[in-house]
C-alpha atoms as a PDB file:
ATOM      1  CA  MET A   1      97.802  14.599 -38.621  1.00  0.00           C
ATOM      2  CA  GLU A   2      94.906  13.536 -40.829  1.00  0.00           C
ATOM      3  CA  GLN A   3      95.335  16.638 -43.024  1.00  0.00           C
ATOM      4  CA  LEU A   4      99.099  16.112 -43.280  1.00  0.00           C
ATOM      5  CA  THR A   5      98.629  12.448 -44.186  1.00  0.00           C
ATOM      6  CA  ARG A   6      96.220  13.404 -46.954  1.00  0.00           C
ATOM      7  CA  LEU A   7      98.620  16.068 -48.241  1.00  0.00           C
ATOM      8  CA  ILE A   8     101.697  13.809 -48.324  1.00  0.00           C
ATOM      9  CA  CYS A   9      99.990  10.670 -49.604  1.00  0.00           C
ATOM     10  CA  GLY A  10      98.387  12.673 -52.402  1.00  0.00           C
ATOM     11  CA  THR A  11     101.737  13.588 -53.950  1.00  0.00           C
ATOM     12  CA  LYS A  12     103.079  11.846 -57.039  1.00  0.00           C
ATOM     13  CA  ALA A  13     106.378  11.373 -55.207  1.00  0.00           C
ATOM     14  CA  PHE A  14     104.765   9.352 -52.412  1.00  0.00           C
ATOM     15  CA  GLU A  15     102.646   7.367 -54.873  1.00  0.00           C
ATOM     16  CA  SER A  16     105.838   6.430 -56.742  1.00  0.00           C
ATOM     17  CA  LEU A  17     107.494   5.188 -53.543  1.00  0.00           C
ATOM     18  CA  TRP A  18     104.379   3.284 -52.490  1.00  0.00           C
ATOM     19  CA  LYS A  19     104.234   1.448 -55.822  1.00  0.00           C
ATOM     20  CA  GLN A  20     107.889   0.471 -55.531  1.00  0.00           C
ATOM     21  CA  PHE A  21     107.565  -0.899 -51.996  1.00  0.00           C
ATOM     22  CA  SER A  22     104.248  -2.589 -52.761  1.00  0.00           C
ATOM     23  CA  ALA A  23     105.878  -4.422 -55.659  1.00  0.00           C
ATOM     24  CA  ASP A  24     109.002  -5.122 -53.545  1.00  0.00           C
ATOM     25  CA  LYS A  25     111.085  -3.398 -56.238  1.00  0.00           C
ATOM     26  CA  PHE A  26     112.517  -0.509 -54.291  1.00  0.00           C
ATOM     27  CA  SER A  27     115.920   1.128 -54.268  1.00  0.00           C
ATOM     28  CA  HIS A  28     118.180   0.973 -51.231  1.00  0.00           C
ATOM     29  CA  ALA A  29     119.094   4.650 -51.438  1.00  0.00           C
ATOM     30  CA  TYR A  30     116.865   7.624 -52.292  1.00  0.00           C
ATOM     31  CA  LEU A  31     117.733  11.288 -52.670  1.00  0.00           C
ATOM     32  CA  VAL A  32     114.478  13.102 -51.936  1.00  0.00           C
ATOM     33  CA  THR A  33     114.313  16.809 -52.771  1.00  0.00           C
ATOM     34  CA  GLY A  34     111.730  19.500 -52.041  1.00  0.00           C
ATOM     35  CA  ARG A  35     111.385  23.238 -51.376  1.00  0.00           C
ATOM     36  CA  ASP A  36     110.012  23.043 -47.826  1.00  0.00           C
ATOM     37  CA  PRO A  37     112.603  21.602 -45.390  1.00  0.00           C
ATOM     38  CA  VAL A  38     110.017  20.981 -42.664  1.00  0.00           C
ATOM     39  CA  TYR A  39     107.615  19.271 -45.073  1.00  0.00           C
ATOM     40  CA  LEU A  40     110.500  17.263 -46.522  1.00  0.00           C
ATOM     41  CA  GLN A  41     111.408  15.860 -43.104  1.00  0.00           C
ATOM     42  CA  LYS A  42     107.791  14.856 -42.506  1.00  0.00           C
ATOM     43  CA  PHE A  43     107.690  13.251 -45.960  1.00  0.00           C
ATOM     44  CA  LEU A  44     110.735  11.121 -45.125  1.00  0.00           C
ATOM     45  CA  THR A  45     109.123  10.063 -41.837  1.00  0.00           C
ATOM     46  CA  TYR A  46     106.014   8.922 -43.712  1.00  0.00           C
ATOM     47  CA  ALA A  47     108.171   7.146 -46.307  1.00  0.00           C
ATOM     48  CA  SER A  48     109.998   5.320 -43.501  1.00  0.00           C
ATOM     49  CA  ALA A  49     106.743   4.293 -41.846  1.00  0.00           C
ATOM     50  CA  MET A  50     105.463   2.970 -45.160  1.00  0.00           C
ATOM     51  CA  ALA A  51     108.711   1.045 -45.758  1.00  0.00           C
ATOM     52  CA  LEU A  52     108.487  -0.693 -42.375  1.00  0.00           C
ATOM     53  CA  CYS A  53     104.709  -1.048 -41.973  1.00  0.00           C
ATOM     54  CA  PRO A  54     103.583  -4.691 -42.181  1.00  0.00           C
ATOM     55  CA  LYS A  55     100.442  -3.432 -43.948  1.00  0.00           C
ATOM     56  CA  GLY A  56     102.366  -1.384 -46.479  1.00  0.00           C
ATOM     57  CA  GLY A  57     101.645   2.035 -45.009  1.00  0.00           C
ATOM     58  CA  CYS A  58      98.494   2.121 -42.865  1.00  0.00           C
ATOM     59  CA  PHE A  59      99.886   4.938 -40.660  1.00  0.00           C
ATOM     60  CA  SER A  60      97.868   3.725 -37.692  1.00  0.00           C
ATOM     61  CA  CYS A  61      99.486   0.455 -36.547  1.00  0.00           C
ATOM     62  CA  ILE A  62     102.023   0.046 -33.734  1.00  0.00           C
ATOM     63  CA  THR A  63     104.930   0.102 -36.201  1.00  0.00           C
ATOM     64  CA  CYS A  64     103.790   3.326 -37.888  1.00  0.00           C
ATOM     65  CA  ASN A  65     103.075   5.031 -34.576  1.00  0.00           C
ATOM     66  CA  LYS A  66     106.556   4.148 -33.316  1.00  0.00           C
ATOM     67  CA  VAL A  67     108.068   5.753 -36.402  1.00  0.00           C
ATOM     68  CA  PHE A  68     105.954   8.894 -35.979  1.00  0.00           C
ATOM     69  CA  ASP A  69     106.811   9.089 -32.276  1.00  0.00           C
ATOM     70  CA  GLY A  70     110.517   8.796 -33.059  1.00  0.00           C
ATOM     71  CA  ASN A  71     111.097   5.649 -31.014  1.00  0.00           C
ATOM     72  CA  HIS A  72     111.234   2.853 -33.598  1.00  0.00           C
ATOM     73  CA  VAL A  73     114.464   0.969 -32.988  1.00  0.00           C
ATOM     74  CA  ASP A  74     115.046   0.340 -36.702  1.00  0.00           C
ATOM     75  CA  VAL A  75     114.675   3.967 -37.808  1.00  0.00           C
ATOM     76  CA  HIS A  76     117.827   6.050 -37.401  1.00  0.00           C
ATOM     77  CA  VAL A  77     117.456   9.803 -37.939  1.00  0.00           C
ATOM     78  CA  TYR A  78     120.381  12.157 -38.550  1.00  0.00           C
ATOM     79  CA  PRO A  79     121.610  14.752 -37.752  1.00  0.00           C
ATOM     80  CA  LYS A  80     121.263  14.195 -34.046  1.00  0.00           C
ATOM     81  CA  LYS A  81     122.286  17.812 -33.365  1.00  0.00           C
ATOM     82  CA  ASP A  82     123.180  20.503 -35.873  1.00  0.00           C
ATOM     83  CA  LYS A  83     124.689  18.548 -38.749  1.00  0.00           C
ATOM     84  CA  ILE A  84     126.027  15.132 -39.693  1.00  0.00           C
ATOM     85  CA  LEU A  85     129.704  14.845 -38.800  1.00  0.00           C
ATOM     86  CA  THR A  86     132.408  12.322 -39.699  1.00  0.00           C
ATOM     87  CA  ALA A  87     131.759  10.487 -36.431  1.00  0.00           C
ATOM     88  CA  ASP A  88     128.092  10.155 -37.404  1.00  0.00           C
ATOM     89  CA  ALA A  89     129.087   8.792 -40.810  1.00  0.00           C
ATOM     90  CA  ASN A  90     131.253   6.156 -39.116  1.00  0.00           C
ATOM     91  CA  GLU A  91     128.335   5.266 -36.838  1.00  0.00           C
ATOM     92  CA  ILE A  92     126.002   4.944 -39.837  1.00  0.00           C
ATOM     93  CA  ILE A  93     128.455   2.757 -41.773  1.00  0.00           C
ATOM     94  CA  ASP A  94     129.049   0.410 -38.836  1.00  0.00           C
ATOM     95  CA  GLY A  95     125.436   0.320 -37.671  1.00  0.00           C
ATOM     96  CA  CYS A  96     123.769  -0.393 -40.993  1.00  0.00           C
ATOM     97  CA  TYR A  97     125.319  -3.878 -41.059  1.00  0.00           C
ATOM     98  CA  VAL A  98     123.553  -4.827 -37.839  1.00  0.00           C
ATOM     99  CA  LYS A  99     120.367  -6.758 -38.593  1.00  0.00           C
ATOM    100  CA  PRO A 100     116.979  -5.118 -37.912  1.00  0.00           C
ATOM    101  CA  PHE A 101     115.512  -5.776 -34.483  1.00  0.00           C
ATOM    102  CA  GLU A 102     111.753  -5.590 -35.111  1.00  0.00           C
ATOM    103  CA  GLY A 103     111.165  -6.389 -38.765  1.00  0.00           C
ATOM    104  CA  GLU A 104     112.798  -7.241 -42.053  1.00  0.00           C
ATOM    105  CA  ARG A 105     114.114  -3.742 -42.794  1.00  0.00           C
ATOM    106  CA  LYS A 106     115.853  -0.823 -41.186  1.00  0.00           C
ATOM    107  CA  VAL A 107     115.864   2.803 -42.324  1.00  0.00           C
ATOM    108  CA  TYR A 108     118.339   5.663 -42.159  1.00  0.00           C
ATOM    109  CA  ILE A 109     116.944   9.173 -42.609  1.00  0.00           C
ATOM    110  CA  LEU A 110     119.594  11.782 -43.409  1.00  0.00           C
ATOM    111  CA  ASN A 111     117.859  15.156 -43.183  1.00  0.00           C
ATOM    112  CA  ASN A 112     119.540  18.288 -44.556  1.00  0.00           C
ATOM    113  CA  SER A 113     121.849  16.174 -46.705  1.00  0.00           C
ATOM    114  CA  ASP A 114     122.715  19.280 -48.706  1.00  0.00           C
ATOM    115  CA  ALA A 115     124.605  20.472 -45.610  1.00  0.00           C
ATOM    116  CA  LEU A 116     126.885  17.407 -45.631  1.00  0.00           C
ATOM    117  CA  SER A 117     130.555  18.188 -46.163  1.00  0.00           C
ATOM    118  CA  ALA A 118     132.297  16.647 -49.165  1.00  0.00           C
ATOM    119  CA  VAL A 119     134.336  14.538 -46.716  1.00  0.00           C
ATOM    120  CA  VAL A 120     131.216  13.011 -45.150  1.00  0.00           C
ATOM    121  CA  GLN A 121     129.546  12.486 -48.517  1.00  0.00           C
ATOM    122  CA  ASN A 122     132.595  10.676 -49.857  1.00  0.00           C
ATOM    123  CA  LYS A 123     132.781   8.582 -46.698  1.00  0.00           C
ATOM    124  CA  LEU A 124     129.212   7.351 -47.264  1.00  0.00           C
ATOM    125  CA  LEU A 125     129.731   6.541 -50.955  1.00  0.00           C
ATOM    126  CA  LYS A 126     130.631   2.870 -50.587  1.00  0.00           C
ATOM    127  CA  THR A 127     127.746   2.216 -48.197  1.00  0.00           C
ATOM    128  CA  LEU A 128     125.248   3.961 -50.479  1.00  0.00           C
ATOM    129  CA  GLU A 129     126.539   1.978 -53.451  1.00  0.00           C
ATOM    130  CA  GLU A 130     126.423  -1.425 -51.744  1.00  0.00           C
ATOM    131  CA  PRO A 131     124.274  -1.200 -48.608  1.00  0.00           C
ATOM    132  CA  PRO A 132     123.138  -4.302 -46.747  1.00  0.00           C
ATOM    133  CA  GLU A 133     120.104  -5.841 -48.402  1.00  0.00           C
ATOM    134  CA  ASN A 134     117.833  -4.985 -45.484  1.00  0.00           C
ATOM    135  CA  THR A 135     118.844  -1.309 -45.206  1.00  0.00           C
ATOM    136  CA  ILE A 136     117.178   1.715 -46.861  1.00  0.00           C
ATOM    137  CA  PHE A 137     118.628   5.224 -46.977  1.00  0.00           C
ATOM    138  CA  PHE A 138     116.481   8.355 -47.399  1.00  0.00           C
ATOM    139  CA  LEU A 139     118.555  11.504 -48.007  1.00  0.00           C
ATOM    140  CA  GLY A 140     116.567  14.736 -47.841  1.00  0.00           C
ATOM    141  CA  ALA A 141     117.837  17.889 -49.559  1.00  0.00           C
ATOM    142  CA  VAL A 142     116.424  21.296 -50.451  1.00  0.00           C
ATOM    143  CA  ASN A 143     119.454  22.165 -52.573  1.00  0.00           C
ATOM    144  CA  GLU A 144     120.154  19.222 -54.870  1.00  0.00           C
ATOM    145  CA  ASN A 145     123.180  21.031 -56.331  1.00  0.00           C
ATOM    146  CA  ALA A 146     124.997  20.685 -53.003  1.00  0.00           C
ATOM    147  CA  ILE A 147     124.990  16.893 -53.355  1.00  0.00           C
ATOM    148  CA  LEU A 148     128.046  15.391 -55.034  1.00  0.00           C
ATOM    149  CA  ALA A 149     127.420  13.839 -58.444  1.00  0.00           C
ATOM    150  CA  THR A 150     128.923  10.593 -57.177  1.00  0.00           C
ATOM    151  CA  VAL A 151     126.344  10.474 -54.354  1.00  0.00           C
ATOM    152  CA  LYS A 152     123.478  11.277 -56.737  1.00  0.00           C
ATOM    153  CA  SER A 153     124.505   8.461 -59.033  1.00  0.00           C
ATOM    154  CA  ARG A 154     124.099   5.985 -56.190  1.00  0.00           C
ATOM    155  CA  CYS A 155     120.596   7.164 -55.267  1.00  0.00           C
ATOM    156  CA  GLN A 156     117.225   7.134 -56.948  1.00  0.00           C
ATOM    157  CA  LEU A 157     116.091  10.742 -57.300  1.00  0.00           C
ATOM    158  CA  ILE A 158     112.630  11.605 -56.001  1.00  0.00           C
ATOM    159  CA  HIS A 159     111.272  15.164 -56.100  1.00  0.00           C
ATOM    160  CA  VAL A 160     108.428  15.992 -53.735  1.00  0.00           C
ATOM    161  CA  ASP A 161     105.783  17.782 -55.773  1.00  0.00           C
ATOM    162  CA  ASP A 162     105.521  21.532 -55.391  1.00  0.00           C
ATOM    163  CA  THR A 163     102.348  22.368 -53.488  1.00  0.00           C
ATOM    164  CA  SER A 164     100.259  25.110 -55.103  1.00  0.00           C
ATOM    165  CA  SER A 165      99.257  28.177 -53.106  1.00  0.00           C
ATOM    166  CA  GLU A 166      95.650  26.987 -53.354  1.00  0.00           C
ATOM    167  CA  GLU A 167      96.587  23.596 -51.861  1.00  0.00           C
ATOM    168  CA  VAL A 168      98.564  25.262 -49.078  1.00  0.00           C
ATOM    169  CA  LEU A 169      95.598  27.543 -48.355  1.00  0.00           C
ATOM    170  CA  LYS A 170      93.244  24.554 -48.263  1.00  0.00           C
ATOM    171  CA  TYR A 171      95.604  22.688 -45.932  1.00  0.00           C
ATOM    172  CA  LEU A 172      95.900  25.618 -43.522  1.00  0.00           C
ATOM    173  CA  THR A 173      92.156  26.224 -43.305  1.00  0.00           C
ATOM    174  CA  ALA A 174      91.582  22.489 -42.792  1.00  0.00           C
ATOM    175  CA  CYS A 175      93.978  22.768 -39.835  1.00  0.00           C
ATOM    176  CA  GLY A 176      91.690  25.378 -38.276  1.00  0.00           C
ATOM    177  CA  ILE A 177      93.496  28.550 -39.355  1.00  0.00           C
ATOM    178  CA  SER A 178      91.247  31.431 -40.399  1.00  0.00           C
ATOM    179  CA  GLU A 179      91.022  32.080 -44.120  1.00  0.00           C
ATOM    180  CA  SER A 180      92.404  35.612 -43.838  1.00  0.00           C
ATOM    181  CA  ASP A 181      95.446  34.450 -41.860  1.00  0.00           C
ATOM    182  CA  ALA A 182      95.890  31.437 -44.146  1.00  0.00           C
ATOM    183  CA  GLU A 183      95.985  33.688 -47.217  1.00  0.00           C
ATOM    184  CA  ILE A 184      98.937  35.660 -45.886  1.00  0.00           C
ATOM    185  CA  ALA A 185     100.894  32.602 -44.690  1.00  0.00           C
ATOM    186  CA  ALA A 186     100.224  30.703 -47.928  1.00  0.00           C
ATOM    187  CA  GLY A 187     101.275  33.669 -50.034  1.00  0.00           C
ATOM    188  CA  PHE A 188     104.414  34.247 -47.999  1.00  0.00           C
ATOM    189  CA  CYS A 189     105.479  30.571 -48.005  1.00  0.00           C
ATOM    190  CA  ALA A 190     104.535  29.702 -51.575  1.00  0.00           C
ATOM    191  CA  ASN A 191     104.657  25.912 -52.157  1.00  0.00           C
ATOM    192  CA  ARG A 192     105.833  25.221 -48.578  1.00  0.00           C
ATOM    193  CA  PRO A 193     102.840  23.993 -46.523  1.00  0.00           C
ATOM    194  CA  LEU A 194     104.453  23.194 -43.177  1.00  0.00           C
ATOM    195  CA  LEU A 195     106.566  26.321 -43.144  1.00  0.00           C
ATOM    196  CA  ALA A 196     103.338  28.213 -43.872  1.00  0.00           C
ATOM    197  CA  GLU A 197     101.688  26.450 -40.938  1.00  0.00           C
ATOM    198  CA  GLN A 198     104.511  27.550 -38.632  1.00  0.00           C
ATOM    199  CA  TYR A 199     104.078  31.194 -39.655  1.00  0.00           C
ATOM    200  CA  ALA A 200     100.284  30.918 -39.537  1.00  0.00           C
ATOM    201  CA  ASN A 201     100.483  30.068 -35.834  1.00  0.00           C
ATOM    202  CA  ASP A 202     102.839  32.959 -35.050  1.00  0.00           C
ATOM    203  CA  LYS A 203     100.981  36.154 -34.072  1.00  0.00           C
ATOM    204  CA  SER A 204     104.126  38.259 -34.481  1.00  0.00           C
ATOM    205  CA  PHE A 205     104.182  37.256 -38.159  1.00  0.00           C
ATOM    206  CA  TYR A 206     100.851  39.001 -38.827  1.00  0.00           C
ATOM    207  CA  LYS A 207     101.858  42.005 -36.747  1.00  0.00           C
ATOM    208  CA  ALA A 208     104.959  42.375 -38.927  1.00  0.00           C
ATOM    209  CA  PHE A 209     102.944  41.993 -42.130  1.00  0.00           C
ATOM    210  CA  ASP A 210     100.434  44.652 -41.061  1.00  0.00           C
ATOM    211  CA  ALA A 211     103.327  47.011 -40.266  1.00  0.00           C
ATOM    212  CA  ILE A 212     104.771  46.473 -43.738  1.00  0.00           C
ATOM    213  CA  VAL A 213     101.397  47.067 -45.400  1.00  0.00           C
ATOM    214  CA  ASP A 214     101.193  50.339 -43.471  1.00  0.00           C
ATOM    215  CA  VAL A 215     104.679  51.349 -44.657  1.00  0.00           C
ATOM    216  CA  VAL A 216     103.919  50.709 -48.328  1.00  0.00           C
ATOM    217  CA  LYS A 217     100.554  52.474 -48.160  1.00  0.00           C
ATOM    218  CA  ASN A 218     102.107  55.576 -46.613  1.00  0.00           C
ATOM    219  CA  LEU A 219     105.408  55.787 -48.490  1.00  0.00           C
ATOM    220  CA  ASN A 220     104.665  58.872 -50.567  1.00  0.00           C
ATOM    221  CA  SER A 221     107.753  61.117 -50.479  1.00  0.00           C
ATOM    222  CA  SER A 222     111.267  61.461 -49.086  1.00  0.00           C
ATOM    223  CA  LYS A 223     109.696  62.942 -45.945  1.00  0.00           C
ATOM    224  CA  ASP A 224     108.387  59.447 -45.150  1.00  0.00           C
ATOM    225  CA  ALA A 225     111.704  57.687 -45.794  1.00  0.00           C
ATOM    226  CA  LEU A 226     113.234  57.833 -42.309  1.00  0.00           C
ATOM    227  CA  LYS A 227     110.068  56.659 -40.570  1.00  0.00           C
ATOM    228  CA  SER A 228     109.545  53.916 -43.159  1.00  0.00           C
ATOM    229  CA  CYS A 229     113.110  52.612 -42.790  1.00  0.00           C
ATOM    230  CA  SER A 230     112.722  52.493 -39.027  1.00  0.00           C
ATOM    231  CA  LYS A 231     109.477  50.523 -39.285  1.00  0.00           C
ATOM    232  CA  LEU A 232     110.946  48.063 -41.785  1.00  0.00           C
ATOM    233  CA  MET A 233     114.003  47.465 -39.593  1.00  0.00           C
ATOM    234  CA  SER A 234     111.844  46.792 -36.542  1.00  0.00           C
ATOM    235  CA  ALA A 235     109.398  44.510 -38.406  1.00  0.00           C
ATOM    236  CA  GLY A 236     111.753  41.527 -38.363  1.00  0.00           C
ATOM    237  CA  GLU A 237     114.753  39.916 -40.012  1.00  0.00           C
ATOM    238  CA  PRO A 238     115.669  41.641 -43.308  1.00  0.00           C
ATOM    239  CA  GLN A 239     114.992  38.574 -45.464  1.00  0.00           C
ATOM    240  CA  LEU A 240     111.545  38.171 -43.900  1.00  0.00           C
ATOM    241  CA  VAL A 241     110.830  41.854 -44.555  1.00  0.00           C
ATOM    242  CA  TYR A 242     111.941  41.599 -48.204  1.00  0.00           C
ATOM    243  CA  GLN A 243     109.794  38.500 -48.712  1.00  0.00           C
ATOM    244  CA  MET A 244     106.742  40.244 -47.266  1.00  0.00           C
ATOM    245  CA  LEU A 245     107.365  43.285 -49.457  1.00  0.00           C
ATOM    246  CA  LEU A 246     107.708  41.044 -52.510  1.00  0.00           C
ATOM    247  CA  LEU A 247     104.410  39.367 -51.695  1.00  0.00           C
ATOM    248  CA  LEU A 248     102.653  42.714 -51.298  1.00  0.00           C
ATOM    249  CA  TYR A 249     104.043  44.284 -54.490  1.00  0.00           C
ATOM    250  CA  ARG A 250     103.394  41.133 -56.521  1.00  0.00           C
ATOM    251  CA  GLU A 251      99.815  41.051 -55.302  1.00  0.00           C
ATOM    252  CA  THR A 252      99.471  44.727 -56.317  1.00  0.00           C
ATOM    253  CA  LEU A 253     100.805  43.891 -59.771  1.00  0.00           C
ATOM    254  CA  MET A 254      98.269  41.060 -59.947  1.00  0.00           C
ATOM    255  CA  LEU A 255      95.457  43.646 -59.864  1.00  0.00           C
ATOM    256  CA  TYR A 256      96.825  44.972 -63.164  1.00  0.00           C
ATOM    257  CA  THR A 257      97.382  41.593 -64.823  1.00  0.00           C
ATOM    258  CA  ASN A 258      94.810  39.107 -63.489  1.00  0.00           C
ATOM    259  CA  GLU A 259      92.660  40.129 -60.555  1.00  0.00           C
ATOM    260  CA  ASP A 260      91.138  36.638 -60.335  1.00  0.00           C
ATOM    261  CA  MET A 261      94.577  35.316 -59.298  1.00  0.00           C
ATOM    262  CA  LEU A 262      94.775  37.619 -56.277  1.00  0.00           C
ATOM    263  CA  LEU A 263      95.691  35.567 -53.224  1.00  0.00           C
ATOM    264  CA  LEU A 264      95.310  38.152 -50.457  1.00  0.00           C
ATOM    265  CA  LYS A 265      91.604  38.700 -51.000  1.00  0.00           C
ATOM    266  CA  HIS A 266      91.082  39.929 -47.441  1.00  0.00           C
ATOM    267  CA  LYS A 267      93.699  42.630 -48.057  1.00  0.00           C
ATOM    268  CA  LYS A 268      92.205  43.769 -51.356  1.00  0.00           C
ATOM    269  CA  ASN A 269      91.294  47.260 -50.122  1.00  0.00           C
ATOM    270  CA  ASP A 270      94.861  47.849 -48.924  1.00  0.00           C
ATOM    271  CA  ILE A 271      96.249  46.543 -52.210  1.00  0.00           C
ATOM    272  CA  LEU A 272      93.880  48.765 -54.201  1.00  0.00           C
ATOM    273  CA  CYS A 273      95.189  51.729 -52.219  1.00  0.00           C
ATOM    274  CA  ILE A 274      98.770  50.789 -53.134  1.00  0.00           C
ATOM    275  CA  LYS A 275      97.819  50.234 -56.784  1.00  0.00           C
ATOM    276  CA  GLN A 276      96.643  53.844 -57.081  1.00  0.00           C
ATOM    277  CA  LYS A 277     100.196  55.004 -56.301  1.00  0.00           C
ATOM    278  CA  TYR A 278     102.186  52.708 -58.610  1.00  0.00           C
ATOM    279  CA  SER A 279     102.182  52.159 -62.353  1.00  0.00           C
ATOM    280  CA  PRO A 280     102.760  48.586 -63.624  1.00  0.00           C
ATOM    281  CA  THR A 281     106.249  49.597 -64.778  1.00  0.00           C
ATOM    282  CA  ALA A 282     107.068  50.945 -61.327  1.00  0.00           C
ATOM    283  CA  LEU A 283     105.889  47.713 -59.703  1.00  0.00           C
ATOM    284  CA  TYR A 284     108.093  45.579 -61.961  1.00  0.00           C
ATOM    285  CA  LYS A 285     111.093  47.767 -61.117  1.00  0.00           C
ATOM    286  CA  VAL A 286     110.360  47.662 -57.373  1.00  0.00           C
ATOM    287  CA  ILE A 287     110.253  43.867 -57.505  1.00  0.00           C
ATOM    288  CA  ASP A 288     113.685  43.925 -59.159  1.00  0.00           C
ATOM    289  CA  LEU A 289     114.950  46.268 -56.429  1.00  0.00           C
ATOM    290  CA  LEU A 290     113.706  43.899 -53.712  1.00  0.00           C
ATOM    291  CA  THR A 291     115.381  40.924 -55.354  1.00  0.00           C
ATOM    292  CA  ALA A 292     118.647  42.875 -55.501  1.00  0.00           C
ATOM    293  CA  ALA A 293     118.278  43.899 -51.838  1.00  0.00           C
ATOM    294  CA  LYS A 294     117.879  40.255 -50.810  1.00  0.00           C
ATOM    295  CA  ILE A 295     121.089  39.355 -52.634  1.00  0.00           C
ATOM    296  CA  LYS A 296     122.998  42.241 -51.026  1.00  0.00           C
ATOM    297  CA  THR A 297     121.887  41.182 -47.545  1.00  0.00           C
ATOM    298  CA  GLU A 298     122.858  37.570 -48.253  1.00  0.00           C
ATOM    299  CA  SER A 299     126.290  38.919 -49.231  1.00  0.00           C
ATOM    300  CA  ASN A 300     126.644  40.396 -45.711  1.00  0.00           C
ATOM    301  CA  CYS A 301     126.007  44.012 -46.650  1.00  0.00           C
ATOM    302  CA  ASN A 302     124.846  46.199 -43.771  1.00  0.00           C
ATOM    303  CA  PRO A 303     121.064  45.559 -43.441  1.00  0.00           C
ATOM    304  CA  ALA A 304     120.252  49.127 -42.370  1.00  0.00           C
ATOM    305  CA  ALA A 305     122.198  50.582 -45.294  1.00  0.00           C
ATOM    306  CA  VAL A 306     120.497  48.203 -47.734  1.00  0.00           C
ATOM    307  CA  ILE A 307     117.022  49.120 -46.459  1.00  0.00           C
ATOM    308  CA  ASP A 308     117.813  52.860 -46.540  1.00  0.00           C
ATOM    309  CA  SER A 309     118.963  52.539 -50.145  1.00  0.00           C
ATOM    310  CA  LEU A 310     115.962  50.360 -51.005  1.00  0.00           C
ATOM    311  CA  VAL A 311     113.409  52.852 -49.687  1.00  0.00           C
ATOM    312  CA  MET A 312     114.984  55.783 -51.549  1.00  0.00           C
ATOM    313  CA  SER A 313     115.202  53.707 -54.747  1.00  0.00           C
ATOM    314  CA  ILE A 314     111.514  52.755 -54.458  1.00  0.00           C
ATOM    315  CA  LEU A 315     110.574  56.422 -54.110  1.00  0.00           C
ATOM    316  CA  GLU A 316     112.709  57.298 -57.132  1.00  0.00           C
ATOM    317  CA  VAL A 317     111.182  54.542 -59.286  1.00  0.00           C
ATOM    318  CA  LYS A 318     107.718  55.482 -58.136  1.00  0.00           C
ATOM    319  CA  TYR A 319     108.326  59.086 -59.237  1.00  0.00           C
ATOM    320  CA  ILE A 320     110.050  58.358 -62.532  1.00  0.00           C
ATOM    321  CA  CYS A 321     107.485  55.717 -63.550  1.00  0.00           C
ATOM    322  CA  ARG A 322     104.481  57.558 -62.153  1.00  0.00           C
ATOM    323  CA  LYS A 323     101.087  57.144 -63.748  1.00  0.00           C
END
């Protein structure tokens, strides 16, 4: 928790909130955005603790610990299950007018607000515009564009700073994860520290990555296509596979452009092996192919067919743009 506290409190977004609450000049509704949904939820928990803490955010008192443990009576977190429904909106609207039980303020955390239906968002409009004086709303969203303009206009916008790959790497190693494992997780989850931590503690994640490295290193001709497709399909979900491939090919391209920026230093020998087989032009084109494959899969195209086509296209690009 100490490492997470340092990471969150060091952001410009948290500093901005702290200054507002310290000066008692805060908004009653915030739309907080960020790339990492897990990190964003933790950020809102810290913001709530700071808003209620009698010491202004010590993160160690009884009040703060209650917030962190999820049992503070004046902190209401939604959704309670999968998503916030109309019934939840009614509960929020009615409940926010009840006075706080333990302090001067009460907080509503609405995680995944970008998943709110237009009906629910419209239902909350009046409350967000004129909430009770003692009530604070924190709406968390990865996709700001999914929030209605009318809702945005009633909230103060706060963007949680993007975390650099170097900062994510530092955070993971400080949490006791080996540097070699941290490099892969940080590279895969660029700017998303807590998502990276989840992957870093999953042994199957590294097994899948090693399988993909093996595929790329040994994809030399059409004779290897069938075996390569089979390995890619068994490595994990298609989007995870594409993201790992993108990381690997981008790191290979980095050896051409700026070797000092290489993130996967412990995989340098493997990446050097791949570099010998691809020209820079081929690498750029492969990255475009992977981006297109991700879009096709998101559009519900058959994953196996997309991967088959991807592998053959990579071989074609590799041949046409050979060194």
